[in-house]
Amino acid sequence: MGFKDQVARDIQNVFLDSEFGEPVLFGSIGMDSIELLAVVDRDMNELTAYETAEGTYASKLTLYMRQADLGYVPVENQLVYFALAGEDTYPYIVRRVAAEMGILTVEIEANRS
């Protein structure tokens, strides 16, 4: 087994397993939302959401998911829909995307009231 094979196994069995990953819904215009496992980083982003206008604030999240599970790579400024499994989806804007070794890092932002 080579290094890339071991990394692929670790992604599936360690980083995005049911212990660290949580089921989420993710989709975009023209594509149905799909349920997949993702690590949702709320650390500091959601807790320190900055005020954008009176009565609103920006909610920011960073998602880590398998590129193979999603089936495409979102692009910056794309409108996507996100929710934890079992909740209603909410529109977010993709602010940054990185794809490395089969893992997508997607930063999303939404204005909330």
PDB file of N, CA and C in Angstrom:
ATOM      1  N   MET A   1       0.853  -1.166   0.000  1.00  0.00           N
ATOM      2  CA  MET A   1       0.000   0.000   0.000  1.00  0.00           C
ATOM      3  C   MET A   1       0.905   1.238   0.000  1.00  0.00           C
ATOM      4  N   GLY A   2       0.625   2.151  -0.941  1.00  0.00           N
ATOM      5  CA  GLY A   2       1.412   3.364  -1.049  1.00  0.00           C
ATOM      6  C   GLY A   2       0.897   4.470  -0.140  1.00  0.00           C
ATOM      7  N   PHE A   3       1.629   5.574  -0.134  1.00  0.00           N
ATOM      8  CA  PHE A   3       1.277   6.705   0.709  1.00  0.00           C
ATOM      9  C   PHE A   3      -0.105   7.256   0.374  1.00  0.00           C
ATOM     10  N   LYS A   4      -0.394   7.429  -0.910  1.00  0.00           N
ATOM     11  CA  LYS A   4      -1.697   7.975  -1.315  1.00  0.00           C
ATOM     12  C   LYS A   4      -2.840   7.050  -0.905  1.00  0.00           C
ATOM     13  N   ASP A   5      -2.617   5.747  -1.006  1.00  0.00           N
ATOM     14  CA  ASP A   5      -3.646   4.790  -0.582  1.00  0.00           C
ATOM     15  C   ASP A   5      -3.893   4.899   0.920  1.00  0.00           C
ATOM     16  N   GLN A   6      -2.825   5.053   1.690  1.00  0.00           N
ATOM     17  CA  GLN A   6      -2.966   5.180   3.137  1.00  0.00           C
ATOM     18  C   GLN A   6      -3.693   6.468   3.510  1.00  0.00           C
ATOM     19  N   VAL A   7      -3.384   7.564   2.814  1.00  0.00           N
ATOM     20  CA  VAL A   7      -4.070   8.832   3.075  1.00  0.00           C
ATOM     21  C   VAL A   7      -5.555   8.697   2.762  1.00  0.00           C
ATOM     22  N   ALA A   8      -5.892   8.059   1.651  1.00  0.00           N
ATOM     23  CA  ALA A   8      -7.302   7.867   1.297  1.00  0.00           C
ATOM     24  C   ALA A   8      -8.025   7.050   2.357  1.00  0.00           C
ATOM     25  N   ARG A   9      -7.386   6.019   2.882  1.00  0.00           N
ATOM     26  CA  ARG A   9      -7.998   5.230   3.958  1.00  0.00           C
ATOM     27  C   ARG A   9      -8.164   6.043   5.228  1.00  0.00           C
ATOM     28  N   ASP A  10      -7.151   6.844   5.559  1.00  0.00           N
ATOM     29  CA  ASP A  10      -7.234   7.678   6.762  1.00  0.00           C
ATOM     30  C   ASP A  10      -8.344   8.711   6.655  1.00  0.00           C
ATOM     31  N   ILE A  11      -8.517   9.289   5.482  1.00  0.00           N
ATOM     32  CA  ILE A  11      -9.588  10.268   5.287  1.00  0.00           C
ATOM     33  C   ILE A  11     -10.930   9.632   5.599  1.00  0.00           C
ATOM     34  N   GLN A  12     -11.150   8.448   5.072  1.00  0.00           N
ATOM     35  CA  GLN A  12     -12.430   7.764   5.266  1.00  0.00           C
ATOM     36  C   GLN A  12     -12.599   7.232   6.685  1.00  0.00           C
ATOM     37  N   ASN A  13     -11.553   6.647   7.235  1.00  0.00           N
ATOM     38  CA  ASN A  13     -11.693   5.926   8.496  1.00  0.00           C
ATOM     39  C   ASN A  13     -11.312   6.709   9.745  1.00  0.00           C
ATOM     40  N   VAL A  14     -10.624   7.836   9.586  1.00  0.00           N
ATOM     41  CA  VAL A  14     -10.172   8.588  10.756  1.00  0.00           C
ATOM     42  C   VAL A  14     -10.769   9.987  10.770  1.00  0.00           C
ATOM     43  N   PHE A  15     -10.495  10.766   9.737  1.00  0.00           N
ATOM     44  CA  PHE A  15     -10.866  12.176   9.761  1.00  0.00           C
ATOM     45  C   PHE A  15     -12.357  12.408   9.536  1.00  0.00           C
ATOM     46  N   LEU A  16     -12.962  11.651   8.650  1.00  0.00           N
ATOM     47  CA  LEU A  16     -14.373  11.871   8.348  1.00  0.00           C
ATOM     48  C   LEU A  16     -15.219  10.672   8.742  1.00  0.00           C
ATOM     49  N   ASP A  17     -14.942  10.113   9.894  1.00  0.00           N
ATOM     50  CA  ASP A  17     -15.767   9.021  10.396  1.00  0.00           C
ATOM     51  C   ASP A  17     -16.890   9.604  11.246  1.00  0.00           C
ATOM     52  N   SER A  18     -17.707   8.763  11.805  1.00  0.00           N
ATOM     53  CA  SER A  18     -18.860   9.238  12.574  1.00  0.00           C
ATOM     54  C   SER A  18     -18.463   9.882  13.904  1.00  0.00           C
ATOM     55  N   GLU A  19     -17.210   9.716  14.329  1.00  0.00           N
ATOM     56  CA  GLU A  19     -16.772  10.354  15.574  1.00  0.00           C
ATOM     57  C   GLU A  19     -16.485  11.842  15.361  1.00  0.00           C
ATOM     58  N   PHE A  20     -15.810  12.183  14.281  1.00  0.00           N
ATOM     59  CA  PHE A  20     -15.459  13.575  14.017  1.00  0.00           C
ATOM     60  C   PHE A  20     -16.433  14.229  13.051  1.00  0.00           C
ATOM     61  N   GLY A  21     -16.872  13.490  12.054  1.00  0.00           N
ATOM     62  CA  GLY A  21     -17.790  14.038  11.063  1.00  0.00           C
ATOM     63  C   GLY A  21     -19.225  13.983  11.550  1.00  0.00           C
ATOM     64  N   GLU A  22     -20.035  14.874  11.004  1.00  0.00           N
ATOM     65  CA  GLU A  22     -21.460  14.855  11.323  1.00  0.00           C
ATOM     66  C   GLU A  22     -22.232  14.947  10.020  1.00  0.00           C
ATOM     67  N   PRO A  23     -23.419  14.340   9.976  1.00  0.00           N
ATOM     68  CA  PRO A  23     -24.193  14.382   8.741  1.00  0.00           C
ATOM     69  C   PRO A  23     -24.699  15.799   8.468  1.00  0.00           C
ATOM     70  N   VAL A  24     -24.465  16.254   7.241  1.00  0.00           N
ATOM     71  CA  VAL A  24     -24.919  17.578   6.824  1.00  0.00           C
ATOM     72  C   VAL A  24     -25.600  17.468   5.467  1.00  0.00           C
ATOM     73  N   LEU A  25     -26.387  18.475   5.139  1.00  0.00           N
ATOM     74  CA  LEU A  25     -26.961  18.608   3.810  1.00  0.00           C
ATOM     75  C   LEU A  25     -26.216  19.731   3.109  1.00  0.00           C
ATOM     76  N   PHE A  26     -25.805  19.490   1.871  1.00  0.00           N
ATOM     77  CA  PHE A  26     -25.059  20.483   1.107  1.00  0.00           C
ATOM     78  C   PHE A  26     -25.512  20.397  -0.335  1.00  0.00           C
ATOM     79  N   GLY A  27     -25.834  21.526  -0.924  1.00  0.00           N
ATOM     80  CA  GLY A  27     -26.265  21.549  -2.314  1.00  0.00           C
ATOM     81  C   GLY A  27     -26.098  22.931  -2.898  1.00  0.00           C
ATOM     82  N   SER A  28     -26.437  23.048  -4.174  1.00  0.00           N
ATOM     83  CA  SER A  28     -26.357  24.342  -4.849  1.00  0.00           C
ATOM     84  C   SER A  28     -27.478  24.434  -5.867  1.00  0.00           C
ATOM     85  N   ILE A  29     -27.624  25.596  -6.463  1.00  0.00           N
ATOM     86  CA  ILE A  29     -28.680  25.805  -7.453  1.00  0.00           C
ATOM     87  C   ILE A  29     -28.485  24.831  -8.602  1.00  0.00           C
ATOM     88  N   GLY A  30     -29.543  24.170  -8.983  1.00  0.00           N
ATOM     89  CA  GLY A  30     -29.486  23.199 -10.067  1.00  0.00           C
ATOM     90  C   GLY A  30     -29.052  21.812  -9.630  1.00  0.00           C
ATOM     91  N   MET A  31     -28.697  21.658  -8.368  1.00  0.00           N
ATOM     92  CA  MET A  31     -28.286  20.354  -7.848  1.00  0.00           C
ATOM     93  C   MET A  31     -29.027  20.118  -6.551  1.00  0.00           C
ATOM     94  N   ASP A  32     -29.532  18.928  -6.389  1.00  0.00           N
ATOM     95  CA  ASP A  32     -30.217  18.587  -5.145  1.00  0.00           C
ATOM     96  C   ASP A  32     -29.221  18.575  -3.991  1.00  0.00           C
ATOM     97  N   SER A  33     -29.705  18.920  -2.809  1.00  0.00           N
ATOM     98  CA  SER A  33     -28.877  18.811  -1.617  1.00  0.00           C
ATOM     99  C   SER A  33     -28.641  17.342  -1.317  1.00  0.00           C
ATOM    100  N   ILE A  34     -27.416  17.006  -0.970  1.00  0.00           N
ATOM    101  CA  ILE A  34     -27.096  15.625  -0.632  1.00  0.00           C
ATOM    102  C   ILE A  34     -26.642  15.574   0.819  1.00  0.00           C
ATOM    103  N   GLU A  35     -26.862  14.436   1.441  1.00  0.00           N
ATOM    104  CA  GLU A  35     -26.389  14.243   2.806  1.00  0.00           C
ATOM    105  C   GLU A  35     -25.025  13.581   2.751  1.00  0.00           C
ATOM    106  N   LEU A  36     -24.083  14.150   3.477  1.00  0.00           N
ATOM    107  CA  LEU A  36     -22.743  13.589   3.531  1.00  0.00           C
ATOM    108  C   LEU A  36     -22.134  13.892   4.892  1.00  0.00           C
ATOM    109  N   LEU A  37     -21.030  13.231   5.196  1.00  0.00           N
ATOM    110  CA  LEU A  37     -20.334  13.487   6.454  1.00  0.00           C
ATOM    111  C   LEU A  37     -19.348  14.627   6.249  1.00  0.00           C
ATOM    112  N   ALA A  38     -19.339  15.568   7.183  1.00  0.00           N
ATOM    113  CA  ALA A  38     -18.404  16.681   7.123  1.00  0.00           C
ATOM    114  C   ALA A  38     -18.006  17.065   8.544  1.00  0.00           C
ATOM    115  N   VAL A  39     -16.812  17.582   8.664  1.00  0.00           N
ATOM    116  CA  VAL A  39     -16.403  18.188   9.915  1.00  0.00           C
ATOM    117  C   VAL A  39     -16.760  19.659   9.796  1.00  0.00           C
ATOM    118  N   VAL A  40     -17.587  20.151  10.712  1.00  0.00           N
ATOM    119  CA  VAL A  40     -18.045  21.535  10.691  1.00  0.00           C
ATOM    120  C   VAL A  40     -17.283  22.294  11.773  1.00  0.00           C
ATOM    121  N   ASP A  41     -16.492  23.257  11.339  1.00  0.00           N
ATOM    122  CA  ASP A  41     -15.693  24.048  12.277  1.00  0.00           C
ATOM    123  C   ASP A  41     -16.436  25.328  12.609  1.00  0.00           C
ATOM    124  N   ARG A  42     -16.938  25.368  13.814  1.00  0.00           N
ATOM    125  CA  ARG A  42     -17.638  26.559  14.300  1.00  0.00           C
ATOM    126  C   ARG A  42     -16.710  27.358  15.212  1.00  0.00           C
ATOM    127  N   ASP A  43     -15.506  26.858  15.439  1.00  0.00           N
ATOM    128  CA  ASP A  43     -14.559  27.456  16.364  1.00  0.00           C
ATOM    129  C   ASP A  43     -14.249  28.889  15.965  1.00  0.00           C
ATOM    130  N   MET A  44     -14.614  29.801  16.800  1.00  0.00           N
ATOM    131  CA  MET A  44     -14.364  31.220  16.640  1.00  0.00           C
ATOM    132  C   MET A  44     -15.193  31.862  15.530  1.00  0.00           C
ATOM    133  N   ASN A  45     -15.399  31.193  14.419  1.00  0.00           N
ATOM    134  CA  ASN A  45     -16.109  31.832  13.309  1.00  0.00           C
ATOM    135  C   ASN A  45     -17.535  32.202  13.682  1.00  0.00           C
ATOM    136  N   GLU A  46     -18.305  31.226  14.145  1.00  0.00           N
ATOM    137  CA  GLU A  46     -19.691  31.505  14.466  1.00  0.00           C
ATOM    138  C   GLU A  46     -19.792  32.294  15.778  1.00  0.00           C
ATOM    139  N   LEU A  47     -18.893  32.020  16.704  1.00  0.00           N
ATOM    140  CA  LEU A  47     -18.970  32.677  17.997  1.00  0.00           C
ATOM    141  C   LEU A  47     -18.568  34.145  17.934  1.00  0.00           C
ATOM    142  N   THR A  48     -17.699  34.484  17.003  1.00  0.00           N
ATOM    143  CA  THR A  48     -17.265  35.877  16.883  1.00  0.00           C
ATOM    144  C   THR A  48     -17.806  36.489  15.601  1.00  0.00           C
ATOM    145  N   ALA A  49     -19.006  36.106  15.231  1.00  0.00           N
ATOM    146  CA  ALA A  49     -19.604  36.662  14.018  1.00  0.00           C
ATOM    147  C   ALA A  49     -19.654  38.178  14.133  1.00  0.00           C
ATOM    148  N   TYR A  50     -19.202  38.827  13.104  1.00  0.00           N
ATOM    149  CA  TYR A  50     -19.143  40.275  13.164  1.00  0.00           C
ATOM    150  C   TYR A  50     -20.466  40.887  12.712  1.00  0.00           C
ATOM    151  N   GLU A  51     -20.774  42.029  13.267  1.00  0.00           N
ATOM    152  CA  GLU A  51     -22.016  42.707  12.932  1.00  0.00           C
ATOM    153  C   GLU A  51     -21.859  43.383  11.576  1.00  0.00           C
ATOM    154  N   THR A  52     -22.809  43.171  10.670  1.00  0.00           N
ATOM    155  CA  THR A  52     -22.713  43.742   9.329  1.00  0.00           C
ATOM    156  C   THR A  52     -23.663  44.907   9.132  1.00  0.00           C
ATOM    157  N   ALA A  53     -24.773  44.919   9.796  1.00  0.00           N
ATOM    158  CA  ALA A  53     -25.742  46.016   9.742  1.00  0.00           C
ATOM    159  C   ALA A  53     -26.603  45.883  10.991  1.00  0.00           C
ATOM    160  N   GLU A  54     -27.295  46.911  11.313  1.00  0.00           N
ATOM    161  CA  GLU A  54     -28.096  46.867  12.527  1.00  0.00           C
ATOM    162  C   GLU A  54     -29.068  45.696  12.495  1.00  0.00           C
ATOM    163  N   GLY A  55     -28.956  44.828  13.485  1.00  0.00           N
ATOM    164  CA  GLY A  55     -29.861  43.690  13.590  1.00  0.00           C
ATOM    165  C   GLY A  55     -29.441  42.463  12.803  1.00  0.00           C
ATOM    166  N   THR A  56     -28.328  42.509  12.068  1.00  0.00           N
ATOM    167  CA  THR A  56     -27.866  41.339  11.320  1.00  0.00           C
ATOM    168  C   THR A  56     -26.417  41.050  11.680  1.00  0.00           C
ATOM    169  N   TYR A  57     -25.987  39.835  11.391  1.00  0.00           N
ATOM    170  CA  TYR A  57     -24.595  39.465  11.591  1.00  0.00           C
ATOM    171  C   TYR A  57     -24.225  38.413  10.563  1.00  0.00           C
ATOM    172  N   ALA A  58     -22.949  38.235  10.339  1.00  0.00           N
ATOM    173  CA  ALA A  58     -22.464  37.246   9.381  1.00  0.00           C
ATOM    174  C   ALA A  58     -22.142  35.953  10.127  1.00  0.00           C
ATOM    175  N   SER A  59     -22.727  34.880   9.691  1.00  0.00           N
ATOM    176  CA  SER A  59     -22.456  33.568  10.254  1.00  0.00           C
ATOM    177  C   SER A  59     -21.451  32.879   9.330  1.00  0.00           C
ATOM    178  N   LYS A  60     -20.297  32.508   9.877  1.00  0.00           N
ATOM    179  CA  LYS A  60     -19.252  31.874   9.078  1.00  0.00           C
ATOM    180  C   LYS A  60     -18.986  30.470   9.594  1.00  0.00           C
ATOM    181  N   LEU A  61     -18.825  29.542   8.660  1.00  0.00           N
ATOM    182  CA  LEU A  61     -18.504  28.158   8.985  1.00  0.00           C
ATOM    183  C   LEU A  61     -17.419  27.673   8.041  1.00  0.00           C
ATOM    184  N   THR A  62     -16.605  26.748   8.513  1.00  0.00           N
ATOM    185  CA  THR A  62     -15.646  26.067   7.651  1.00  0.00           C
ATOM    186  C   THR A  62     -16.014  24.594   7.649  1.00  0.00           C
ATOM    187  N   LEU A  63     -16.164  24.036   6.449  1.00  0.00           N
ATOM    188  CA  LEU A  63     -16.552  22.637   6.285  1.00  0.00           C
ATOM    189  C   LEU A  63     -15.392  21.864   5.690  1.00  0.00           C
ATOM    190  N   TYR A  64     -15.176  20.658   6.203  1.00  0.00           N
ATOM    191  CA  TYR A  64     -14.180  19.742   5.658  1.00  0.00           C
ATOM    192  C   TYR A  64     -14.935  18.497   5.221  1.00  0.00           C
ATOM    193  N   MET A  65     -14.861  18.157   3.930  1.00  0.00           N
ATOM    194  CA  MET A  65     -15.604  17.013   3.413  1.00  0.00           C
ATOM    195  C   MET A  65     -14.811  16.318   2.313  1.00  0.00           C
ATOM    196  N   ARG A  66     -15.179  15.074   2.054  1.00  0.00           N
ATOM    197  CA  ARG A  66     -14.523  14.326   0.972  1.00  0.00           C
ATOM    198  C   ARG A  66     -15.011  14.841  -0.368  1.00  0.00           C
ATOM    199  N   GLN A  67     -14.080  15.150  -1.250  1.00  0.00           N
ATOM    200  CA  GLN A  67     -14.437  15.626  -2.581  1.00  0.00           C
ATOM    201  C   GLN A  67     -15.246  14.570  -3.329  1.00  0.00           C
ATOM    202  N   ALA A  68     -14.931  13.302  -3.130  1.00  0.00           N
ATOM    203  CA  ALA A  68     -15.659  12.216  -3.803  1.00  0.00           C
ATOM    204  C   ALA A  68     -17.113  12.151  -3.354  1.00  0.00           C
ATOM    205  N   ASP A  69     -17.389  12.487  -2.095  1.00  0.00           N
ATOM    206  CA  ASP A  69     -18.762  12.466  -1.596  1.00  0.00           C
ATOM    207  C   ASP A  69     -19.598  13.567  -2.232  1.00  0.00           C
ATOM    208  N   LEU A  70     -19.001  14.745  -2.393  1.00  0.00           N
ATOM    209  CA  LEU A  70     -19.740  15.869  -2.962  1.00  0.00           C
ATOM    210  C   LEU A  70     -19.861  15.739  -4.475  1.00  0.00           C
ATOM    211  N   GLY A  71     -18.805  15.284  -5.128  1.00  0.00           N
ATOM    212  CA  GLY A  71     -18.864  15.057  -6.566  1.00  0.00           C
ATOM    213  C   GLY A  71     -18.488  16.256  -7.421  1.00  0.00           C
ATOM    214  N   TYR A  72     -18.239  17.399  -6.816  1.00  0.00           N
ATOM    215  CA  TYR A  72     -17.782  18.580  -7.545  1.00  0.00           C
ATOM    216  C   TYR A  72     -17.073  19.503  -6.559  1.00  0.00           C
ATOM    217  N   VAL A  73     -16.405  20.503  -7.096  1.00  0.00           N
ATOM    218  CA  VAL A  73     -15.720  21.473  -6.246  1.00  0.00           C
ATOM    219  C   VAL A  73     -16.465  22.801  -6.347  1.00  0.00           C
ATOM    220  N   PRO A  74     -17.029  23.282  -5.241  1.00  0.00           N
ATOM    221  CA  PRO A  74     -17.690  24.591  -5.279  1.00  0.00           C
ATOM    222  C   PRO A  74     -16.687  25.683  -5.645  1.00  0.00           C
ATOM    223  N   VAL A  75     -17.205  26.809  -6.104  1.00  0.00           N
ATOM    224  CA  VAL A  75     -16.336  27.927  -6.471  1.00  0.00           C
ATOM    225  C   VAL A  75     -16.660  29.131  -5.590  1.00  0.00           C
ATOM    226  N   GLU A  76     -15.706  30.024  -5.461  1.00  0.00           N
ATOM    227  CA  GLU A  76     -15.905  31.219  -4.648  1.00  0.00           C
ATOM    228  C   GLU A  76     -17.073  32.039  -5.181  1.00  0.00           C
ATOM    229  N   ASN A  77     -17.836  32.602  -4.273  1.00  0.00           N
ATOM    230  CA  ASN A  77     -19.027  33.422  -4.545  1.00  0.00           C
ATOM    231  C   ASN A  77     -20.218  32.624  -5.058  1.00  0.00           C
ATOM    232  N   GLN A  78     -20.138  31.307  -5.022  1.00  0.00           N
ATOM    233  CA  GLN A  78     -21.265  30.452  -5.412  1.00  0.00           C
ATOM    234  C   GLN A  78     -22.285  30.408  -4.282  1.00  0.00           C
ATOM    235  N   LEU A  79     -23.557  30.438  -4.641  1.00  0.00           N
ATOM    236  CA  LEU A  79     -24.628  30.277  -3.666  1.00  0.00           C
ATOM    237  C   LEU A  79     -24.820  28.788  -3.418  1.00  0.00           C
ATOM    238  N   VAL A  80     -24.726  28.386  -2.150  1.00  0.00           N
ATOM    239  CA  VAL A  80     -24.934  26.985  -1.774  1.00  0.00           C
ATOM    240  C   VAL A  80     -25.954  26.943  -0.644  1.00  0.00           C
ATOM    241  N   TYR A  81     -26.468  25.760  -0.414  1.00  0.00           N
ATOM    242  CA  TYR A  81     -27.422  25.542   0.676  1.00  0.00           C
ATOM    243  C   TYR A  81     -26.805  24.545   1.635  1.00  0.00           C
ATOM    244  N   PHE A  82     -26.875  24.876   2.939  1.00  0.00           N
ATOM    245  CA  PHE A  82     -26.232  24.044   3.955  1.00  0.00           C
ATOM    246  C   PHE A  82     -27.135  23.921   5.165  1.00  0.00           C
ATOM    247  N   ALA A  83     -27.098  22.763   5.795  1.00  0.00           N
ATOM    248  CA  ALA A  83     -27.777  22.548   7.073  1.00  0.00           C
ATOM    249  C   ALA A  83     -27.218  21.296   7.722  1.00  0.00           C
ATOM    250  N   LEU A  84     -27.293  21.268   9.025  1.00  0.00           N
ATOM    251  CA  LEU A  84     -27.038  20.017   9.721  1.00  0.00           C
ATOM    252  C   LEU A  84     -28.181  19.088   9.373  1.00  0.00           C
ATOM    253  N   ALA A  85     -27.923  17.798   9.299  1.00  0.00           N
ATOM    254  CA  ALA A  85     -28.962  16.834   8.928  1.00  0.00           C
ATOM    255  C   ALA A  85     -30.161  16.984   9.856  1.00  0.00           C
ATOM    256  N   GLY A  86     -31.353  16.982   9.276  1.00  0.00           N
ATOM    257  CA  GLY A  86     -32.578  17.099  10.050  1.00  0.00           C
ATOM    258  C   GLY A  86     -33.069  18.524  10.196  1.00  0.00           C
ATOM    259  N   GLU A  87     -32.286  19.491   9.751  1.00  0.00           N
ATOM    260  CA  GLU A  87     -32.686  20.892   9.825  1.00  0.00           C
ATOM    261  C   GLU A  87     -32.966  21.406   8.412  1.00  0.00           C
ATOM    262  N   ASP A  88     -33.622  22.554   8.327  1.00  0.00           N
ATOM    263  CA  ASP A  88     -33.875  23.181   7.031  1.00  0.00           C
ATOM    264  C   ASP A  88     -32.587  23.803   6.503  1.00  0.00           C
ATOM    265  N   THR A  89     -32.393  23.703   5.179  1.00  0.00           N
ATOM    266  CA  THR A  89     -31.203  24.306   4.586  1.00  0.00           C
ATOM    267  C   THR A  89     -31.328  25.819   4.572  1.00  0.00           C
ATOM    268  N   TYR A  90     -30.194  26.473   4.580  1.00  0.00           N
ATOM    269  CA  TYR A  90     -30.135  27.927   4.602  1.00  0.00           C
ATOM    270  C   TYR A  90     -29.105  28.352   3.556  1.00  0.00           C
ATOM    271  N   PRO A  91     -29.367  29.434   2.814  1.00  0.00           N
ATOM    272  CA  PRO A  91     -28.407  29.845   1.782  1.00  0.00           C
ATOM    273  C   PRO A  91     -27.143  30.466   2.371  1.00  0.00           C
ATOM    274  N   TYR A  92     -26.023  30.068   1.823  1.00  0.00           N
ATOM    275  CA  TYR A  92     -24.714  30.599   2.196  1.00  0.00           C
ATOM    276  C   TYR A  92     -23.960  30.955   0.918  1.00  0.00           C
ATOM    277  N   ILE A  93     -22.980  31.824   1.037  1.00  0.00           N
ATOM    278  CA  ILE A  93     -22.079  32.155  -0.061  1.00  0.00           C
ATOM    279  C   ILE A  93     -20.726  31.514   0.229  1.00  0.00           C
ATOM    280  N   VAL A  94     -20.158  30.863  -0.779  1.00  0.00           N
ATOM    281  CA  VAL A  94     -18.829  30.267  -0.635  1.00  0.00           C
ATOM    282  C   VAL A  94     -17.804  31.392  -0.677  1.00  0.00           C
ATOM    283  N   ARG A  95     -16.984  31.489   0.354  1.00  0.00           N
ATOM    284  CA  ARG A  95     -15.968  32.535   0.433  1.00  0.00           C
ATOM    285  C   ARG A  95     -14.578  32.035   0.053  1.00  0.00           C
ATOM    286  N   ARG A  96     -14.289  30.756   0.316  1.00  0.00           N
ATOM    287  CA  ARG A  96     -12.970  30.204  -0.013  1.00  0.00           C
ATOM    288  C   ARG A  96     -13.094  28.701  -0.160  1.00  0.00           C
ATOM    289  N   VAL A  97     -12.345  28.160  -1.104  1.00  0.00           N
ATOM    290  CA  VAL A  97     -12.338  26.713  -1.337  1.00  0.00           C
ATOM    291  C   VAL A  97     -10.901  26.250  -1.536  1.00  0.00           C
ATOM    292  N   ALA A  98     -10.570  25.135  -0.928  1.00  0.00           N
ATOM    293  CA  ALA A  98      -9.273  24.499  -1.151  1.00  0.00           C
ATOM    294  C   ALA A  98      -9.509  23.000  -1.272  1.00  0.00           C
ATOM    295  N   ALA A  99      -8.814  22.373  -2.193  1.00  0.00           N
ATOM    296  CA  ALA A  99      -8.911  20.925  -2.383  1.00  0.00           C
ATOM    297  C   ALA A  99      -7.508  20.335  -2.268  1.00  0.00           C
ATOM    298  N   GLU A 100      -7.325  19.476  -1.269  1.00  0.00           N
ATOM    299  CA  GLU A 100      -6.026  18.852  -1.064  1.00  0.00           C
ATOM    300  C   GLU A 100      -6.205  17.397  -0.670  1.00  0.00           C
ATOM    301  N   MET A 101      -5.589  16.530  -1.418  1.00  0.00           N
ATOM    302  CA  MET A 101      -5.548  15.098  -1.135  1.00  0.00           C
ATOM    303  C   MET A 101      -6.934  14.502  -0.897  1.00  0.00           C
ATOM    304  N   GLY A 102      -7.913  14.955  -1.678  1.00  0.00           N
ATOM    305  CA  GLY A 102      -9.256  14.390  -1.582  1.00  0.00           C
ATOM    306  C   GLY A 102     -10.165  15.053  -0.573  1.00  0.00           C
ATOM    307  N   ILE A 103      -9.664  16.046   0.172  1.00  0.00           N
ATOM    308  CA  ILE A 103     -10.467  16.767   1.158  1.00  0.00           C
ATOM    309  C   ILE A 103     -10.750  18.170   0.638  1.00  0.00           C
ATOM    310  N   LEU A 104     -12.005  18.567   0.689  1.00  0.00           N
ATOM    311  CA  LEU A 104     -12.399  19.935   0.366  1.00  0.00           C
ATOM    312  C   LEU A 104     -12.503  20.730   1.660  1.00  0.00           C
ATOM    313  N   THR A 105     -11.930  21.908   1.666  1.00  0.00           N
ATOM    314  CA  THR A 105     -12.110  22.865   2.750  1.00  0.00           C
ATOM    315  C   THR A 105     -12.925  23.994   2.159  1.00  0.00           C
ATOM    316  N   VAL A 106     -14.150  24.168   2.663  1.00  0.00           N
ATOM    317  CA  VAL A 106     -15.068  25.152   2.098  1.00  0.00           C
ATOM    318  C   VAL A 106     -15.491  26.110   3.210  1.00  0.00           C
ATOM    319  N   GLU A 107     -15.147  27.378   3.048  1.00  0.00           N
ATOM    320  CA  GLU A 107     -15.585  28.404   3.990  1.00  0.00           C
ATOM    321  C   GLU A 107     -16.845  29.047   3.418  1.00  0.00           C
ATOM    322  N   ILE A 108     -17.920  29.058   4.230  1.00  0.00           N
ATOM    323  CA  ILE A 108     -19.199  29.633   3.784  1.00  0.00           C
ATOM    324  C   ILE A 108     -19.631  30.710   4.753  1.00  0.00           C
ATOM    325  N   GLU A 109     -20.449  31.635   4.247  1.00  0.00           N
ATOM    326  CA  GLU A 109     -20.899  32.766   5.058  1.00  0.00           C
ATOM    327  C   GLU A 109     -22.332  33.110   4.697  1.00  0.00           C
ATOM    328  N   ALA A 110     -23.106  33.487   5.703  1.00  0.00           N
ATOM    329  CA  ALA A 110     -24.493  33.917   5.487  1.00  0.00           C
ATOM    330  C   ALA A 110     -24.794  35.081   6.415  1.00  0.00           C
ATOM    331  N   ASN A 111     -25.635  35.970   5.958  1.00  0.00           N
ATOM    332  CA  ASN A 111     -26.128  37.044   6.832  1.00  0.00           C
ATOM    333  C   ASN A 111     -27.333  36.517   7.564  1.00  0.00           C
ATOM    334  N   ARG A 112     -27.357  36.721   8.852  1.00  0.00           N
ATOM    335  CA  ARG A 112     -28.457  36.272   9.713  1.00  0.00           C
ATOM    336  C   ARG A 112     -29.026  37.449  10.462  1.00  0.00           C
ATOM    337  N   SER A 113     -30.226  37.265  10.963  1.00  0.00           N
ATOM    338  CA  SER A 113     -30.808  38.320  11.780  1.00  0.00           C
ATOM    339  C   SER A 113     -31.206  37.778  13.137  1.00  0.00           C
TER     340      SER A 113
END
